[in-house]
Amino acid sequence: MTTEEKVKHWINISDYDLETAVAILETKRYLYVGFMCHQVIEKIFKAVYFKCKEEVPPYTHDLEYLAVRSGFYETLSEEQQDFIGELNPLNIETRYPEYKKELLKTLTPSKCVEILEKTKKLQQWTKEMILSAK
């Protein structure tokens, strides 16, 4: 596969994960909305990484690390940086039973809608960055 095909592959997976997050929200399984939103951003950041480095992205779920390693963390707004800081723990905490109960208290329906909307905006911003990169 060419670099462009691999980048497109990461974008497609990110899009699929976004559709999954929407479907999960509709079924009111709030715990996993945050997890899937994290996956959306992780995949789109890995698309950026591949576009910039032309190598397999690191095996990490740390969104800030991916943005820093890809060289675009400083171009994120403070709000976007704060948001990835909010998303980062949602990848791990949903996987461990001891965190699920506490996390569920914070992932209200309105909070999940907010997370999903911010995820859509950050994903779109990142796609536009990918398209403008040469």
N, C-alpha and C. Protein backbone atom coordinates (compact mmCIF):
# COMPACT_ATOMS: atom_id res chain seq x y z
N MET A 1 0.83 -1.19 0.00
CA MET A 1 0.00 0.00 0.00
C MET A 1 0.88 1.25 0.00
N THR A 2 0.41 2.25 -0.68
CA THR A 2 1.12 3.54 -0.69
C THR A 2 0.84 4.27 0.63
N THR A 3 1.61 5.33 0.86
CA THR A 3 1.39 6.14 2.04
C THR A 3 -0.03 6.68 2.07
N GLU A 4 -0.49 7.20 0.95
CA GLU A 4 -1.84 7.76 0.88
C GLU A 4 -2.90 6.70 1.17
N GLU A 5 -2.70 5.49 0.69
CA GLU A 5 -3.66 4.41 0.96
C GLU A 5 -3.68 4.06 2.45
N LYS A 6 -2.51 4.06 3.06
CA LYS A 6 -2.44 3.74 4.49
C LYS A 6 -3.08 4.85 5.32
N VAL A 7 -2.84 6.09 4.94
CA VAL A 7 -3.47 7.22 5.64
C VAL A 7 -4.99 7.11 5.50
N LYS A 8 -5.44 6.84 4.30
CA LYS A 8 -6.88 6.69 4.05
C LYS A 8 -7.46 5.55 4.89
N HIS A 9 -6.71 4.48 5.04
CA HIS A 9 -7.14 3.35 5.87
C HIS A 9 -7.37 3.80 7.31
N TRP A 10 -6.43 4.56 7.89
CA TRP A 10 -6.59 5.05 9.26
C TRP A 10 -7.79 5.98 9.37
N ILE A 11 -7.98 6.83 8.36
CA ILE A 11 -9.14 7.74 8.35
C ILE A 11 -10.43 6.95 8.31
N ASN A 12 -10.48 5.92 7.47
CA ASN A 12 -11.69 5.11 7.36
C ASN A 12 -12.03 4.41 8.67
N ILE A 13 -11.01 3.92 9.37
CA ILE A 13 -11.24 3.27 10.66
C ILE A 13 -11.75 4.31 11.67
N SER A 14 -11.20 5.50 11.63
CA SER A 14 -11.66 6.58 12.51
C SER A 14 -13.13 6.90 12.23
N ASP A 15 -13.50 6.99 10.96
CA ASP A 15 -14.89 7.25 10.58
C ASP A 15 -15.82 6.14 11.08
N TYR A 16 -15.38 4.90 10.94
CA TYR A 16 -16.17 3.76 11.39
C TYR A 16 -16.37 3.83 12.91
N ASP A 17 -15.31 4.15 13.63
CA ASP A 17 -15.40 4.26 15.08
C ASP A 17 -16.35 5.40 15.49
N LEU A 18 -16.37 6.49 14.72
CA LEU A 18 -17.30 7.58 15.00
C LEU A 18 -18.74 7.11 14.83
N GLU A 19 -19.01 6.38 13.76
CA GLU A 19 -20.35 5.83 13.56
C GLU A 19 -20.72 4.90 14.71
N THR A 20 -19.76 4.14 15.20
CA THR A 20 -20.00 3.24 16.33
C THR A 20 -20.31 4.04 17.59
N ALA A 21 -19.59 5.12 17.83
CA ALA A 21 -19.85 5.96 19.00
C ALA A 21 -21.28 6.52 18.96
N VAL A 22 -21.70 6.95 17.79
CA VAL A 22 -23.07 7.47 17.63
C VAL A 22 -24.09 6.37 17.94
N ALA A 23 -23.85 5.17 17.41
CA ALA A 23 -24.77 4.05 17.64
C ALA A 23 -24.82 3.68 19.12
N ILE A 24 -23.68 3.72 19.78
CA ILE A 24 -23.63 3.39 21.20
C ILE A 24 -24.39 4.44 22.02
N LEU A 25 -24.25 5.70 21.65
CA LEU A 25 -24.99 6.75 22.34
C LEU A 25 -26.50 6.52 22.19
N GLU A 26 -26.92 6.14 21.00
CA GLU A 26 -28.35 5.89 20.76
C GLU A 26 -28.88 4.73 21.61
N THR A 27 -28.02 3.78 21.94
CA THR A 27 -28.45 2.65 22.76
C THR A 27 -28.27 2.92 24.26
N LYS A 28 -27.78 4.13 24.59
CA LYS A 28 -27.63 4.58 25.97
C LYS A 28 -26.61 3.77 26.77
N ARG A 29 -25.60 3.28 26.10
CA ARG A 29 -24.50 2.58 26.78
C ARG A 29 -23.36 3.58 26.96
N TYR A 30 -23.60 4.48 27.88
CA TYR A 30 -22.76 5.67 28.03
C TYR A 30 -21.30 5.38 28.36
N LEU A 31 -21.05 4.31 29.07
CA LEU A 31 -19.68 3.99 29.44
C LEU A 31 -18.78 3.87 28.20
N TYR A 32 -19.32 3.35 27.14
CA TYR A 32 -18.50 3.08 25.96
C TYR A 32 -18.50 4.20 24.92
N VAL A 33 -19.32 5.21 25.13
CA VAL A 33 -19.28 6.36 24.21
C VAL A 33 -17.91 7.02 24.30
N GLY A 34 -17.46 7.27 25.53
CA GLY A 34 -16.15 7.90 25.71
C GLY A 34 -15.03 7.05 25.15
N PHE A 35 -15.12 5.75 25.37
CA PHE A 35 -14.10 4.82 24.85
C PHE A 35 -14.03 4.91 23.33
N MET A 36 -15.19 4.88 22.67
CA MET A 36 -15.18 4.93 21.21
C MET A 36 -14.73 6.29 20.69
N CYS A 37 -15.07 7.35 21.41
CA CYS A 37 -14.59 8.67 20.99
C CYS A 37 -13.07 8.73 21.08
N HIS A 38 -12.52 8.12 22.12
CA HIS A 38 -11.06 8.04 22.21
C HIS A 38 -10.51 7.31 21.00
N GLN A 39 -11.15 6.22 20.62
CA GLN A 39 -10.69 5.45 19.47
C GLN A 39 -10.73 6.27 18.18
N VAL A 40 -11.76 7.08 18.02
CA VAL A 40 -11.88 7.95 16.83
C VAL A 40 -10.65 8.84 16.72
N ILE A 41 -10.32 9.49 17.83
CA ILE A 41 -9.20 10.44 17.81
C ILE A 41 -7.86 9.71 17.72
N GLU A 42 -7.75 8.59 18.38
CA GLU A 42 -6.51 7.81 18.28
C GLU A 42 -6.24 7.43 16.82
N LYS A 43 -7.24 6.95 16.12
CA LYS A 43 -7.05 6.51 14.73
C LYS A 43 -6.72 7.69 13.81
N ILE A 44 -7.41 8.82 14.01
CA ILE A 44 -7.13 9.96 13.13
C ILE A 44 -5.75 10.54 13.42
N PHE A 45 -5.32 10.50 14.68
CA PHE A 45 -3.96 10.94 15.02
C PHE A 45 -2.93 9.99 14.43
N LYS A 46 -3.25 8.72 14.36
CA LYS A 46 -2.33 7.76 13.75
C LYS A 46 -2.27 7.98 12.23
N ALA A 47 -3.36 8.46 11.64
CA ALA A 47 -3.32 8.82 10.22
C ALA A 47 -2.34 9.97 10.01
N VAL A 48 -2.39 10.96 10.89
CA VAL A 48 -1.46 12.09 10.81
C VAL A 48 -0.02 11.59 10.98
N TYR A 49 0.18 10.73 11.96
CA TYR A 49 1.52 10.20 12.21
C TYR A 49 2.06 9.53 10.94
N PHE A 50 1.24 8.69 10.35
CA PHE A 50 1.69 7.98 9.15
C PHE A 50 1.96 8.96 8.01
N LYS A 51 1.11 9.96 7.88
CA LYS A 51 1.29 10.97 6.83
C LYS A 51 2.62 11.71 7.02
N CYS A 52 2.93 12.06 8.26
CA CYS A 52 4.14 12.83 8.55
C CYS A 52 5.41 12.00 8.53
N LYS A 53 5.34 10.80 9.08
CA LYS A 53 6.53 9.99 9.28
C LYS A 53 6.72 8.87 8.26
N GLU A 54 5.64 8.51 7.58
CA GLU A 54 5.65 7.39 6.63
C GLU A 54 6.18 6.11 7.27
N GLU A 55 5.71 5.89 8.50
CA GLU A 55 6.04 4.66 9.22
C GLU A 55 4.88 4.29 10.13
N VAL A 56 4.86 3.05 10.53
CA VAL A 56 3.79 2.55 11.39
C VAL A 56 3.76 3.37 12.67
N PRO A 57 2.58 3.86 13.06
CA PRO A 57 2.48 4.63 14.31
C PRO A 57 2.86 3.78 15.52
N PRO A 58 3.32 4.43 16.56
CA PRO A 58 3.69 3.68 17.78
C PRO A 58 2.48 2.96 18.37
N TYR A 59 2.74 1.85 19.02
CA TYR A 59 1.68 1.09 19.67
C TYR A 59 1.38 1.74 21.01
N THR A 60 0.59 2.80 20.95
CA THR A 60 0.21 3.53 22.15
C THR A 60 -1.23 4.01 21.99
N HIS A 61 -1.87 4.24 23.12
CA HIS A 61 -3.21 4.81 23.12
C HIS A 61 -3.18 6.25 23.64
N ASP A 62 -2.00 6.76 23.92
CA ASP A 62 -1.83 8.08 24.50
C ASP A 62 -1.96 9.14 23.40
N LEU A 63 -3.07 9.87 23.44
CA LEU A 63 -3.36 10.84 22.38
C LEU A 63 -2.36 12.00 22.36
N GLU A 64 -2.00 12.49 23.53
CA GLU A 64 -1.04 13.58 23.59
C GLU A 64 0.31 13.13 23.01
N TYR A 65 0.74 11.95 23.38
CA TYR A 65 1.99 11.40 22.87
C TYR A 65 1.96 11.30 21.35
N LEU A 66 0.86 10.82 20.80
CA LEU A 66 0.74 10.71 19.34
C LEU A 66 0.82 12.08 18.67
N ALA A 67 0.14 13.07 19.27
CA ALA A 67 0.15 14.42 18.70
C ALA A 67 1.55 15.03 18.77
N VAL A 68 2.23 14.82 19.88
CA VAL A 68 3.59 15.35 20.03
C VAL A 68 4.52 14.67 19.04
N ARG A 69 4.48 13.36 18.99
CA ARG A 69 5.37 12.60 18.09
C ARG A 69 5.10 12.91 16.62
N SER A 70 3.85 13.25 16.30
CA SER A 70 3.50 13.59 14.92
C SER A 70 3.89 15.02 14.58
N GLY A 71 4.19 15.82 15.60
CA GLY A 71 4.65 17.18 15.38
C GLY A 71 3.56 18.22 15.26
N PHE A 72 2.34 17.92 15.72
CA PHE A 72 1.29 18.92 15.58
C PHE A 72 0.64 19.32 16.92
N TYR A 73 1.15 18.82 18.02
CA TYR A 73 0.54 19.14 19.32
C TYR A 73 0.45 20.64 19.54
N GLU A 74 1.49 21.36 19.19
CA GLU A 74 1.52 22.80 19.43
C GLU A 74 0.53 23.56 18.55
N THR A 75 0.05 22.94 17.48
CA THR A 75 -0.94 23.61 16.63
C THR A 75 -2.36 23.42 17.15
N LEU A 76 -2.54 22.52 18.11
CA LEU A 76 -3.85 22.34 18.73
C LEU A 76 -4.16 23.54 19.61
N SER A 77 -5.41 23.94 19.62
CA SER A 77 -5.82 25.02 20.53
C SER A 77 -5.76 24.50 21.97
N GLU A 78 -5.79 25.41 22.92
CA GLU A 78 -5.80 25.01 24.33
C GLU A 78 -7.03 24.14 24.62
N GLU A 79 -8.14 24.50 24.02
CA GLU A 79 -9.38 23.71 24.19
C GLU A 79 -9.20 22.29 23.64
N GLN A 80 -8.57 22.16 22.48
CA GLN A 80 -8.33 20.83 21.91
C GLN A 80 -7.35 20.04 22.77
N GLN A 81 -6.31 20.69 23.27
CA GLN A 81 -5.36 20.01 24.16
C GLN A 81 -6.05 19.53 25.42
N ASP A 82 -6.91 20.38 25.99
CA ASP A 82 -7.67 19.98 27.18
C ASP A 82 -8.57 18.80 26.88
N PHE A 83 -9.19 18.81 25.70
CA PHE A 83 -10.10 17.74 25.33
C PHE A 83 -9.36 16.40 25.19
N ILE A 84 -8.19 16.40 24.56
CA ILE A 84 -7.49 15.12 24.46
C ILE A 84 -7.03 14.65 25.84
N GLY A 85 -6.77 15.60 26.74
CA GLY A 85 -6.48 15.23 28.12
C GLY A 85 -7.68 14.59 28.80
N GLU A 86 -8.86 15.05 28.44
CA GLU A 86 -10.11 14.47 28.98
C GLU A 86 -10.38 13.09 28.38
N LEU A 87 -10.08 12.93 27.10
CA LEU A 87 -10.32 11.65 26.43
C LEU A 87 -9.33 10.56 26.82
N ASN A 88 -8.09 10.95 27.07
CA ASN A 88 -7.03 9.97 27.29
C ASN A 88 -7.40 8.87 28.29
N PRO A 89 -7.88 9.20 29.48
CA PRO A 89 -8.17 8.12 30.44
C PRO A 89 -9.37 7.26 30.07
N LEU A 90 -10.21 7.73 29.16
CA LEU A 90 -11.40 6.96 28.81
C LEU A 90 -11.06 5.68 28.05
N ASN A 91 -9.90 5.61 27.47
CA ASN A 91 -9.47 4.40 26.78
C ASN A 91 -9.16 3.29 27.76
N ILE A 92 -8.50 3.62 28.84
CA ILE A 92 -8.04 2.62 29.79
C ILE A 92 -9.08 2.34 30.86
N GLU A 93 -9.68 3.39 31.39
CA GLU A 93 -10.57 3.22 32.52
C GLU A 93 -11.81 2.38 32.20
N THR A 94 -12.25 2.38 30.95
CA THR A 94 -13.42 1.56 30.62
C THR A 94 -13.09 0.08 30.59
N ARG A 95 -11.81 -0.24 30.56
CA ARG A 95 -11.40 -1.64 30.46
C ARG A 95 -11.28 -2.34 31.81
N TYR A 96 -11.26 -1.58 32.89
CA TYR A 96 -11.02 -2.17 34.20
C TYR A 96 -12.24 -2.00 35.09
N PRO A 97 -12.75 -3.10 35.63
CA PRO A 97 -14.00 -3.06 36.41
C PRO A 97 -13.98 -2.06 37.58
N GLU A 98 -12.85 -1.91 38.23
CA GLU A 98 -12.81 -1.02 39.39
C GLU A 98 -13.05 0.44 39.02
N TYR A 99 -12.82 0.81 37.78
CA TYR A 99 -13.04 2.19 37.34
C TYR A 99 -14.42 2.41 36.75
N LYS A 100 -15.05 1.36 36.29
CA LYS A 100 -16.30 1.51 35.55
C LYS A 100 -17.40 2.20 36.34
N LYS A 101 -17.57 1.82 37.60
CA LYS A 101 -18.64 2.40 38.41
C LYS A 101 -18.44 3.90 38.58
N GLU A 102 -17.22 4.31 38.90
CA GLU A 102 -16.93 5.74 39.08
C GLU A 102 -17.07 6.50 37.76
N LEU A 103 -16.58 5.90 36.70
CA LEU A 103 -16.65 6.55 35.39
C LEU A 103 -18.09 6.73 34.94
N LEU A 104 -18.92 5.75 35.20
CA LEU A 104 -20.33 5.83 34.81
C LEU A 104 -21.03 7.03 35.45
N LYS A 105 -20.59 7.41 36.65
CA LYS A 105 -21.19 8.56 37.33
C LYS A 105 -20.93 9.85 36.55
N THR A 106 -19.82 9.92 35.86
CA THR A 106 -19.46 11.14 35.13
C THR A 106 -19.98 11.15 33.70
N LEU A 107 -20.23 9.97 33.15
CA LEU A 107 -20.66 9.90 31.74
C LEU A 107 -22.19 9.92 31.65
N THR A 108 -22.74 11.08 31.94
CA THR A 108 -24.17 11.30 31.84
C THR A 108 -24.56 11.41 30.37
N PRO A 109 -25.84 11.30 30.06
CA PRO A 109 -26.24 11.48 28.66
C PRO A 109 -25.76 12.80 28.06
N SER A 110 -25.90 13.89 28.80
CA SER A 110 -25.48 15.19 28.25
C SER A 110 -23.96 15.27 28.10
N LYS A 111 -23.22 14.67 29.03
CA LYS A 111 -21.76 14.65 28.92
C LYS A 111 -21.32 13.84 27.70
N CYS A 112 -22.00 12.74 27.45
CA CYS A 112 -21.66 11.91 26.29
C CYS A 112 -21.94 12.64 24.98
N VAL A 113 -23.03 13.39 24.94
CA VAL A 113 -23.33 14.19 23.74
C VAL A 113 -22.23 15.23 23.54
N GLU A 114 -21.82 15.87 24.63
CA GLU A 114 -20.75 16.87 24.55
C GLU A 114 -19.44 16.24 24.05
N ILE A 115 -19.07 15.10 24.61
CA ILE A 115 -17.84 14.40 24.18
C ILE A 115 -17.93 14.03 22.71
N LEU A 116 -19.07 13.54 22.29
CA LEU A 116 -19.24 13.14 20.89
C LEU A 116 -19.12 14.35 19.95
N GLU A 117 -19.72 15.46 20.33
CA GLU A 117 -19.64 16.66 19.48
C GLU A 117 -18.21 17.18 19.39
N LYS A 118 -17.51 17.19 20.50
CA LYS A 118 -16.10 17.63 20.49
C LYS A 118 -15.24 16.67 19.67
N THR A 119 -15.56 15.39 19.75
CA THR A 119 -14.83 14.39 18.97
C THR A 119 -15.02 14.63 17.48
N LYS A 120 -16.25 14.89 17.08
CA LYS A 120 -16.53 15.16 15.66
C LYS A 120 -15.74 16.37 15.17
N LYS A 121 -15.71 17.42 15.98
CA LYS A 121 -14.99 18.64 15.59
C LYS A 121 -13.49 18.41 15.50
N LEU A 122 -12.94 17.71 16.48
CA LEU A 122 -11.49 17.45 16.47
C LEU A 122 -11.12 16.51 15.32
N GLN A 123 -11.96 15.52 15.07
CA GLN A 123 -11.69 14.62 13.95
C GLN A 123 -11.71 15.40 12.63
N GLN A 124 -12.69 16.27 12.45
CA GLN A 124 -12.80 17.05 11.21
C GLN A 124 -11.61 18.00 11.07
N TRP A 125 -11.23 18.66 12.15
CA TRP A 125 -10.07 19.55 12.12
C TRP A 125 -8.82 18.78 11.70
N THR A 126 -8.67 17.58 12.24
CA THR A 126 -7.50 16.76 11.94
C THR A 126 -7.52 16.30 10.50
N LYS A 127 -8.68 15.91 10.00
CA LYS A 127 -8.80 15.54 8.58
C LYS A 127 -8.37 16.69 7.68
N GLU A 128 -8.82 17.88 8.02
CA GLU A 128 -8.46 19.06 7.20
C GLU A 128 -6.96 19.30 7.24
N MET A 129 -6.35 19.07 8.40
CA MET A 129 -4.89 19.22 8.52
C MET A 129 -4.19 18.21 7.62
N ILE A 130 -4.69 16.97 7.62
CA ILE A 130 -4.10 15.92 6.78
C ILE A 130 -4.19 16.31 5.30
N LEU A 131 -5.35 16.79 4.89
CA LEU A 131 -5.55 17.15 3.49
C LEU A 131 -4.67 18.34 3.06
N SER A 132 -4.40 19.24 4.00
CA SER A 132 -3.59 20.41 3.64
C SER A 132 -2.09 20.12 3.70
N ALA A 133 -1.70 19.01 4.34
CA ALA A 133 -0.27 18.65 4.44
C ALA A 133 0.22 18.12 3.11
N LYS A 134 1.43 18.43 2.81
CA LYS A 134 2.00 17.94 1.55
C LYS A 134 3.01 16.88 1.79
